[in-house]
N, C-alpha and C. Protein backbone atom coordinates (compact mmCIF):
# COMPACT_ATOMS: atom_id res chain seq x y z
N MET A 1 -7.76 11.68 -17.02
CA MET A 1 -7.56 11.58 -15.60
C MET A 1 -8.89 10.30 -15.15
N VAL A 2 -7.92 9.33 -13.72
CA VAL A 2 -8.55 8.60 -13.22
C VAL A 2 -8.90 9.64 -12.39
N SER A 3 -10.53 9.37 -12.33
CA SER A 3 -11.08 9.91 -11.18
C SER A 3 -11.34 9.51 -9.10
N LEU A 4 -11.39 10.22 -8.91
CA LEU A 4 -11.10 9.74 -7.37
C LEU A 4 -12.37 8.96 -6.80
N ALA A 5 -13.20 9.14 -6.78
CA ALA A 5 -14.10 7.46 -6.45
C ALA A 5 -13.75 6.50 -7.08
N LEU A 6 -13.45 6.72 -8.55
CA LEU A 6 -13.10 5.35 -9.80
C LEU A 6 -12.10 4.51 -9.16
N VAL A 7 -10.82 4.81 -8.38
CA VAL A 7 -9.81 5.17 -6.42
C VAL A 7 -10.72 4.27 -6.18
N SER A 8 -11.34 4.66 -5.98
CA SER A 8 -12.58 4.18 -4.33
C SER A 8 -12.71 3.26 -4.63
N VAL A 9 -13.53 2.87 -4.90
CA VAL A 9 -14.36 1.88 -6.06
C VAL A 9 -13.48 0.52 -6.59
N ALA A 10 -11.92 1.06 -6.62
CA ALA A 10 -11.40 -0.54 -6.58
C ALA A 10 -10.57 -1.29 -5.32
N ALA A 11 -10.32 1.00 -5.01
CA ALA A 11 -9.59 -0.07 -4.20
C ALA A 11 -11.24 -0.70 -2.73
N SER A 12 -12.34 -0.01 -2.22
CA SER A 12 -13.23 -0.60 -1.50
C SER A 12 -13.44 -2.13 -2.11
N GLY A 13 -13.55 -2.29 -2.83
CA GLY A 13 -14.14 -3.47 -4.11
C GLY A 13 -12.77 -4.41 -3.56
N LEU A 14 -10.81 -4.78 -3.35
CA LEU A 14 -10.33 -4.97 -2.99
C LEU A 14 -9.65 -5.64 -1.93
N LEU A 15 -10.27 -4.89 -1.07
CA LEU A 15 -10.66 -4.90 0.86
C LEU A 15 -11.70 -5.25 1.45
N VAL A 16 -12.71 -5.69 0.16
CA VAL A 16 -13.91 -6.10 0.67
C VAL A 16 -13.30 -8.10 0.52
N LEU A 17 -12.87 -8.12 -1.20
CA LEU A 17 -12.47 -9.60 -1.11
C LEU A 17 -11.36 -9.28 -0.28
N GLY A 18 -10.59 -8.84 0.07
CA GLY A 18 -9.37 -9.55 0.64
C GLY A 18 -9.75 -9.78 2.66
N SER A 19 -11.23 -8.88 3.03
CA SER A 19 -11.68 -9.40 3.74
C SER A 19 -12.19 -10.77 4.29
N VAL A 20 -13.26 -10.67 2.71
CA VAL A 20 -13.72 -12.30 2.77
C VAL A 20 -12.47 -13.38 3.16
N LEU A 21 -11.47 -13.23 1.97
CA LEU A 21 -10.14 -14.04 2.19
C LEU A 21 -9.53 -14.14 3.71
N ALA A 22 -9.60 -12.20 4.33
CA ALA A 22 -9.24 -12.67 5.86
C ALA A 22 -9.91 -13.65 6.62
N THR A 23 -11.38 -13.32 6.56
CA THR A 23 -12.15 -14.34 7.08
C THR A 23 -11.47 -15.99 6.98
N LEU A 24 -11.68 -16.55 5.45
CA LEU A 24 -11.36 -17.23 5.30
C LEU A 24 -10.31 -18.43 5.70
N THR A 25 -9.33 -17.63 5.84
CA THR A 25 -7.98 -18.48 5.83
C THR A 25 -7.74 -18.29 7.74
N GLY A 26 -8.23 -17.69 8.36
CA GLY A 26 -8.55 -17.17 9.97
C GLY A 26 -6.99 -16.04 10.25
N PHE A 27 -7.54 -14.47 9.33
CA PHE A 27 -6.10 -14.31 9.93
C PHE A 27 -6.56 -14.06 11.67
N SER A 28 -7.91 -13.35 12.19
CA SER A 28 -7.61 -13.23 13.41
C SER A 28 -7.06 -14.77 14.56
N GLY A 29 -6.08 -14.93 14.20
CA GLY A 29 -5.43 -15.35 15.09
C GLY A 29 -5.10 -17.40 15.46
N GLY A 30 -5.48 -17.22 13.88
CA GLY A 30 -5.89 -18.56 13.79
C GLY A 30 -7.33 -19.04 13.55
N ALA A 31 -8.18 -18.79 14.82
CA ALA A 31 -9.17 -18.88 15.33
C ALA A 31 -10.63 -18.57 14.55
N LEU A 32 -11.26 -19.18 12.70
CA LEU A 32 -11.41 -18.65 12.26
C LEU A 32 -13.25 -17.51 12.96
N PRO A 33 -13.64 -16.47 12.84
CA PRO A 33 -15.04 -15.93 13.20
C PRO A 33 -16.15 -16.27 13.25
N ARG A 34 -17.05 -16.33 13.85
CA ARG A 34 -18.14 -15.94 13.14
C ARG A 34 -18.83 -16.05 11.37
N LEU A 35 -19.28 -17.36 10.53
CA LEU A 35 -19.80 -16.62 10.00
C LEU A 35 -20.77 -17.14 10.06
N GLY A 36 -21.96 -16.10 10.18
CA GLY A 36 -23.29 -16.55 10.60
C GLY A 36 -24.15 -15.82 8.69
N PRO A 37 -25.24 -15.88 8.97
CA PRO A 37 -26.51 -15.22 8.18
C PRO A 37 -26.43 -13.87 8.55
N GLU A 38 -25.61 -13.05 8.21
CA GLU A 38 -26.11 -11.39 8.83
C GLU A 38 -24.48 -11.41 7.50
N LEU A 39 -23.92 -12.47 6.84
CA LEU A 39 -22.90 -12.46 5.52
C LEU A 39 -23.67 -12.55 4.85
N LEU A 40 -24.59 -13.23 4.36
CA LEU A 40 -25.55 -13.37 3.27
C LEU A 40 -26.59 -11.48 3.10
N VAL A 41 -26.78 -10.90 4.49
CA VAL A 41 -26.72 -9.21 4.02
C VAL A 41 -25.58 -8.77 3.77
N ASP A 42 -25.23 -9.21 4.67
CA ASP A 42 -23.67 -8.47 4.05
C ASP A 42 -23.53 -7.79 2.33
N ALA A 43 -22.75 -9.13 2.81
CA ALA A 43 -22.20 -9.27 1.10
C ALA A 43 -22.96 -8.68 -0.31
N PRO A 44 -24.23 -8.53 -0.16
CA PRO A 44 -25.17 -7.91 -0.43
C PRO A 44 -25.32 -6.70 -0.86
N VAL A 45 -25.77 -5.95 0.29
CA VAL A 45 -26.09 -4.23 1.13
C VAL A 45 -24.28 -4.04 -0.26
N LEU A 46 -23.61 -4.38 0.26
CA LEU A 46 -22.54 -4.13 0.17
C LEU A 46 -21.86 -3.87 -1.22
N ALA A 47 -22.17 -4.97 -2.21
CA ALA A 47 -22.08 -4.68 -3.62
C ALA A 47 -23.06 -3.44 -4.29
N GLY A 48 -24.48 -3.74 -3.74
CA GLY A 48 -25.53 -2.52 -4.57
C GLY A 48 -24.91 -1.27 -3.78
N LEU A 49 -24.07 -1.14 -2.80
CA LEU A 49 -23.08 -0.36 -2.63
C LEU A 49 -22.29 0.63 -3.13
N LEU A 50 -21.80 -0.38 -3.61
CA LEU A 50 -20.39 -0.08 -3.68
C LEU A 50 -21.21 0.01 -5.23
N PHE A 51 -21.57 -0.45 -5.91
CA PHE A 51 -22.07 0.35 -7.21
C PHE A 51 -22.83 1.12 -7.68
N GLY A 52 -23.57 1.74 -6.81
CA GLY A 52 -23.78 2.96 -6.32
C GLY A 52 -22.38 4.28 -6.04
N LEU A 53 -21.81 3.70 -6.12
CA LEU A 53 -20.50 4.47 -5.90
C LEU A 53 -19.80 4.26 -6.98
N HIS A 54 -19.93 2.87 -7.85
CA HIS A 54 -19.06 3.63 -8.43
C HIS A 54 -20.20 4.60 -9.92
N ARG A 55 -21.04 4.46 -9.26
CA ARG A 55 -21.85 5.27 -10.40
C ARG A 55 -22.61 6.75 -10.25
N ARG A 56 -21.49 6.38 -8.71
CA ARG A 56 -20.99 8.11 -8.62
C ARG A 56 -22.20 8.46 -8.44
N ASN A 57 -23.00 8.09 -7.33
CA ASN A 57 -24.19 7.87 -6.51
C ASN A 57 -23.73 8.54 -5.21
N ARG A 58 -24.61 9.94 -4.47
CA ARG A 58 -24.01 9.95 -3.64
C ARG A 58 -24.51 10.07 -2.45
N PRO A 59 -26.03 9.78 -2.64
CA PRO A 59 -26.92 9.08 -1.41
C PRO A 59 -25.80 7.86 -1.27
N ALA A 60 -25.85 6.50 -2.44
CA ALA A 60 -25.03 5.53 -2.30
C ALA A 60 -24.31 5.84 -1.30
N ALA A 61 -23.22 6.81 -1.83
CA ALA A 61 -21.49 6.81 -1.12
C ALA A 61 -21.67 7.24 0.07
N LEU A 62 -23.07 8.14 0.57
CA LEU A 62 -22.93 8.46 2.37
C LEU A 62 -23.11 7.47 2.93
N ALA A 63 -24.47 6.78 2.22
CA ALA A 63 -24.78 5.03 2.96
C ALA A 63 -23.51 4.31 3.09
N LEU A 64 -22.52 4.01 2.22
CA LEU A 64 -21.62 3.65 2.10
C LEU A 64 -20.89 4.30 3.46
N PHE A 65 -20.85 4.69 3.82
CA PHE A 65 -19.99 5.42 4.63
C PHE A 65 -20.45 4.94 5.51
N VAL A 66 -21.47 5.27 5.78
CA VAL A 66 -22.04 5.09 7.24
C VAL A 66 -22.32 3.62 7.77
N TYR A 67 -23.00 2.87 6.53
CA TYR A 67 -22.29 1.22 6.56
C TYR A 67 -21.43 0.90 7.27
N VAL A 68 -19.74 0.95 6.90
CA VAL A 68 -19.41 0.56 7.19
C VAL A 68 -18.78 0.95 8.37
N LEU A 69 -18.72 2.35 9.06
CA LEU A 69 -17.63 3.06 9.99
C LEU A 69 -18.85 2.69 10.74
N ALA A 70 -20.37 2.24 10.60
CA ALA A 70 -21.60 1.46 12.34
C ALA A 70 -20.92 -0.82 12.16
N SER A 71 -20.25 -0.73 11.03
CA SER A 71 -20.05 -1.82 11.69
C SER A 71 -19.23 -1.94 11.71
N ARG A 72 -17.86 -1.69 11.58
CA ARG A 72 -16.98 -1.22 11.91
C ARG A 72 -16.45 -0.70 13.98
N VAL A 73 -17.51 0.17 14.24
CA VAL A 73 -18.68 0.46 15.73
C VAL A 73 -18.50 -1.30 16.16
N TRP A 74 -19.40 -1.62 15.54
CA TRP A 74 -20.20 -2.42 16.47
C TRP A 74 -19.53 -3.72 15.87
N ALA A 75 -18.18 -4.04 15.76
CA ALA A 75 -17.15 -4.52 15.93
C ALA A 75 -15.81 -4.73 16.56
N TRP A 76 -16.17 -3.74 16.95
CA TRP A 76 -15.23 -3.19 18.41
C TRP A 76 -16.04 -3.35 19.32
N ILE A 77 -17.44 -2.88 19.53
CA ILE A 77 -17.74 -3.76 21.03
C ILE A 77 -18.58 -4.51 21.32
N SER A 78 -18.60 -5.06 19.78
CA SER A 78 -19.20 -6.31 20.70
C SER A 78 -17.82 -7.26 20.25
N GLU A 79 -16.70 -7.11 20.19
CA GLU A 79 -15.59 -8.43 20.47
C GLU A 79 -14.22 -6.77 21.20
N PRO A 80 -14.82 -7.13 22.07
CA PRO A 80 -13.37 -6.16 22.60
C PRO A 80 -12.25 -6.76 22.37
N SER A 81 -11.38 -7.85 22.32
CA SER A 81 -10.00 -8.48 21.45
C SER A 81 -9.78 -7.66 20.43
N TYR A 82 -10.99 -7.83 19.59
CA TYR A 82 -10.74 -7.02 17.55
C TYR A 82 -9.69 -6.28 18.19
N VAL A 83 -10.60 -5.25 19.41
CA VAL A 83 -9.04 -3.56 19.44
C VAL A 83 -7.93 -3.62 19.87
N SER A 84 -8.03 -5.10 20.42
CA SER A 84 -6.27 -5.02 21.17
C SER A 84 -5.88 -5.67 19.11
N ASP A 85 -5.69 -6.14 18.61
CA ASP A 85 -5.50 -6.79 17.11
C ASP A 85 -4.18 -5.32 16.34
N SER A 86 -3.53 -5.04 16.56
CA SER A 86 -3.04 -3.66 15.91
C SER A 86 -3.36 -3.83 14.04
N LYS A 87 -2.98 -5.27 13.51
CA LYS A 87 -3.76 -5.32 11.68
C LYS A 87 -4.89 -5.48 11.78
N LEU A 88 -5.62 -5.49 12.52
CA LEU A 88 -7.45 -5.73 11.87
C LEU A 88 -6.97 -4.08 12.70
N ILE A 89 -6.77 -3.21 13.64
CA ILE A 89 -6.89 -1.96 13.53
C ILE A 89 -6.43 -1.01 12.53
N MET A 90 -5.66 -1.81 11.99
CA MET A 90 -4.76 -0.50 10.38
C MET A 90 -5.61 -0.71 9.61
N PHE A 91 -5.59 -2.09 8.68
CA PHE A 91 -7.25 -2.85 8.32
C PHE A 91 -8.25 -1.25 9.06
N ASP A 92 -9.24 -1.53 9.74
CA ASP A 92 -10.40 -0.86 9.25
C ASP A 92 -10.14 0.69 9.40
N LEU A 93 -8.72 1.37 9.19
CA LEU A 93 -8.34 2.23 8.87
C LEU A 93 -7.99 2.27 7.04
N VAL A 94 -8.09 1.74 7.33
CA VAL A 94 -7.68 1.99 5.50
C VAL A 94 -8.90 1.38 4.17
N VAL A 95 -10.07 1.11 5.48
CA VAL A 95 -11.08 1.28 4.44
C VAL A 95 -11.94 1.96 4.97
N PHE A 96 -11.77 2.71 6.59
CA PHE A 96 -12.67 4.06 6.57
C PHE A 96 -11.90 5.28 4.82
N GLY A 97 -11.14 5.20 5.18
CA GLY A 97 -10.33 5.97 4.07
C GLY A 97 -10.32 5.79 2.67
N ALA A 98 -10.68 4.69 2.47
CA ALA A 98 -11.28 4.05 1.37
C ALA A 98 -12.70 4.68 0.62
N THR A 99 -13.76 4.45 1.84
CA THR A 99 -14.78 4.77 1.38
C THR A 99 -15.32 5.60 2.41
N PHE A 100 -14.05 6.94 2.59
CA PHE A 100 -15.05 8.58 2.63
C PHE A 100 -13.43 9.15 1.74
N PHE A 101 -13.11 8.59 1.02
CA PHE A 101 -12.82 9.50 -0.20
C PHE A 101 -13.63 8.69 -1.42
N GLY A 102 -13.52 7.62 -1.36
CA GLY A 102 -15.12 7.68 -2.53
C GLY A 102 -16.32 8.62 -2.43
N MET A 103 -16.54 8.92 -1.25
CA MET A 103 -17.79 9.54 -1.19
C MET A 103 -17.42 11.18 -1.58
N VAL A 104 -15.95 11.89 -0.56
CA VAL A 104 -15.40 12.82 -0.94
C VAL A 104 -15.02 12.46 -2.69
N GLY A 105 -15.16 11.63 -3.62
CA GLY A 105 -14.96 12.19 -5.12
C GLY A 105 -16.07 12.15 -5.87
N ALA A 106 -17.56 11.46 -4.47
CA ALA A 106 -18.86 10.99 -5.88
C ALA A 106 -19.01 12.24 -5.46
N PHE A 107 -18.75 13.47 -4.91
CA PHE A 107 -19.99 14.90 -3.77
C PHE A 107 -18.88 16.20 -4.45
N LYS A 108 -17.89 15.33 -4.91
CA LYS A 108 -17.06 16.38 -5.97
C LYS A 108 -17.68 15.93 -7.99
N HIS A 109 -17.72 15.25 -8.14
CA HIS A 109 -18.00 14.79 -8.96
C HIS A 109 -19.21 15.45 -10.06
N HIS A 110 -20.64 15.88 -8.45
CA HIS A 110 -21.39 16.29 -8.36
C HIS A 110 -21.82 18.00 -9.06
N ARG A 111 -19.92 18.53 -7.55
CA ARG A 111 -20.11 19.63 -8.11
C ARG A 111 -19.68 20.17 -9.29
N GLU A 112 -18.32 19.73 -8.92
CA GLU A 112 -18.30 19.64 -11.22
C GLU A 112 -19.30 19.81 -11.97
N LEU A 113 -20.19 18.32 -11.82
CA LEU A 113 -21.06 18.48 -12.95
C LEU A 113 -21.75 19.74 -12.99
N ARG A 114 -22.32 20.13 -12.15
CA ARG A 114 -22.62 21.10 -11.52
C ARG A 114 -21.76 22.76 -12.23
N GLN A 115 -21.30 23.21 -11.79
CA GLN A 115 -20.53 24.01 -12.59
C GLN A 115 -20.61 23.94 -13.88
N ALA A 116 -20.21 22.52 -13.98
CA ALA A 116 -20.00 22.89 -15.98
C ALA A 116 -21.05 22.84 -16.99
N VAL A 117 -22.04 23.03 -16.30
CA VAL A 117 -23.22 22.95 -16.73
C VAL A 117 -24.22 24.66 -16.47
N ASP A 118 -22.95 25.16 -15.43
CA ASP A 118 -23.35 26.56 -15.29
C ASP A 118 -23.33 27.60 -16.08
N ARG A 119 -22.56 26.69 -15.78
CA ARG A 119 -20.82 27.99 -17.69
C ARG A 119 -21.69 28.02 -18.56
N VAL A 120 -22.04 26.38 -19.03
CA VAL A 120 -22.50 25.80 -20.78
C VAL A 120 -24.36 27.28 -20.46
N ALA A 121 -24.99 27.19 -19.28
CA ALA A 121 -25.60 27.65 -19.69
C ALA A 121 -25.80 29.31 -19.43
């Protein structure tokens, strides 16, 4: 059986790849957004957090969810036209869902692991 955390890692990885491709192809109305040095920080942080989620690390799963939530809220506040684009809002909702279910899957994995250890002991 495929675990919920593994599905979320795959979905999150595809969403990160999709967002990079969308940025490079001008998804937001043909005008490329600013590609600044924050992308040099964002990509390794997301990669590390996705690896932590893949390893079912609860702090990494929670940090990924908070990081994605904070970055999307910051984008909404700093770019008012972003909120009016329904495609971008739907994309954000998919990203929120993937990271939320990945976080839930990591916590569920640890709960089931703890219950299995308690049954054995």
